[in-house]
Amino acid sequence: MPRKTDEWFVPRRSENGTTCVQTKFTDDAVQVRNNLTPDAGTATFTHQEWTTFIASVKDGDYDL
C-alpha cells in the first residue's frame, strides 16, 4: 500500500527536473497531476488501480 500523505509530493527521482508529476496519497485514492499546471486537472485512481499500474511498470509492460 502506498504511503498516505494527504500532501502533494514529487518523487525523489524527479526532484531535480522542471516538469514533474506530483502525487498525493489519501485514505481513498491516489491522485496525480502536472506540477506546472496543477489546476488543469487531476487523475484519480483507487489504491488497487495504482498498485496494479506500478506492478506493470516494474514488469516492463510499458517499456518503449
Protein backbone atom coordinates (compact mmCIF):
# COMPACT_ATOMS: atom_id res chain seq x y z
CA MET A 1 0.00 0.00 0.00
CA PRO A 2 1.38 3.45 -0.87
CA ARG A 3 2.16 5.86 1.92
CA LYS A 4 -0.66 8.19 2.89
CA THR A 5 0.43 11.81 2.92
CA ASP A 6 -2.59 13.97 2.03
CA GLU A 7 0.01 16.37 0.58
CA TRP A 8 1.34 16.69 -2.95
CA PHE A 9 4.91 15.49 -3.45
CA VAL A 10 7.37 14.93 -6.28
CA PRO A 11 9.06 11.52 -6.47
CA ARG A 12 12.73 11.60 -5.48
CA ARG A 13 13.93 10.73 -8.98
CA SER A 14 12.14 13.78 -10.39
CA GLU A 15 13.05 16.44 -7.84
CA ASN A 16 15.82 17.98 -9.96
CA GLY A 17 13.67 18.35 -13.08
CA THR A 18 11.44 21.24 -14.02
CA THR A 19 8.48 19.25 -15.31
CA CYS A 20 7.32 16.64 -12.86
CA VAL A 21 4.34 14.59 -11.93
CA GLN A 22 3.07 15.30 -8.45
CA THR A 23 1.37 12.56 -6.47
CA LYS A 24 -0.85 12.56 -3.40
CA PHE A 25 -1.97 9.50 -1.45
CA THR A 26 -5.14 9.78 0.60
CA ASP A 27 -7.19 7.24 2.52
CA ASP A 28 -9.42 6.69 -0.51
CA ALA A 29 -7.31 7.33 -3.60
CA VAL A 30 -4.07 8.16 -5.34
CA GLN A 31 -4.08 11.46 -7.23
CA VAL A 32 -1.65 12.54 -9.95
CA ARG A 33 -1.19 15.96 -11.58
CA ASN A 34 1.31 18.03 -13.57
CA ASN A 35 3.30 20.39 -11.35
CA LEU A 36 3.39 23.14 -14.00
CA THR A 37 -0.39 23.21 -14.47
CA PRO A 38 -1.88 21.90 -11.22
CA ASP A 39 -5.27 23.49 -11.93
CA ALA A 40 -5.57 21.72 -15.31
CA GLY A 41 -6.89 18.57 -13.72
CA THR A 42 -6.07 15.60 -11.58
CA ALA A 43 -6.12 11.91 -12.44
CA THR A 44 -7.55 9.88 -9.58
CA PHE A 45 -7.03 6.14 -9.07
CA THR A 46 -8.06 3.64 -6.44
CA HIS A 47 -5.23 2.15 -4.41
CA GLN A 48 -5.73 -1.16 -6.25
CA GLU A 49 -5.53 0.54 -9.67
CA TRP A 50 -2.34 2.33 -8.62
CA THR A 51 -0.76 -0.83 -7.23
CA THR A 52 -1.57 -2.69 -10.46
CA PHE A 53 -0.12 0.14 -12.57
CA ILE A 54 3.13 0.24 -10.56
CA ALA A 55 3.50 -3.55 -10.81
CA SER A 56 3.02 -3.33 -14.59
CA VAL A 57 5.68 -0.62 -14.86
CA LYS A 58 8.11 -2.71 -12.82
CA ASP A 59 7.36 -5.73 -15.03
CA GLY A 60 8.29 -3.71 -18.13
CA ASP A 61 4.80 -3.67 -19.62
CA TYR A 62 5.20 -0.04 -20.68
CA ASP A 63 8.82 -0.08 -21.87
CA LEU A 64 9.22 1.77 -25.15
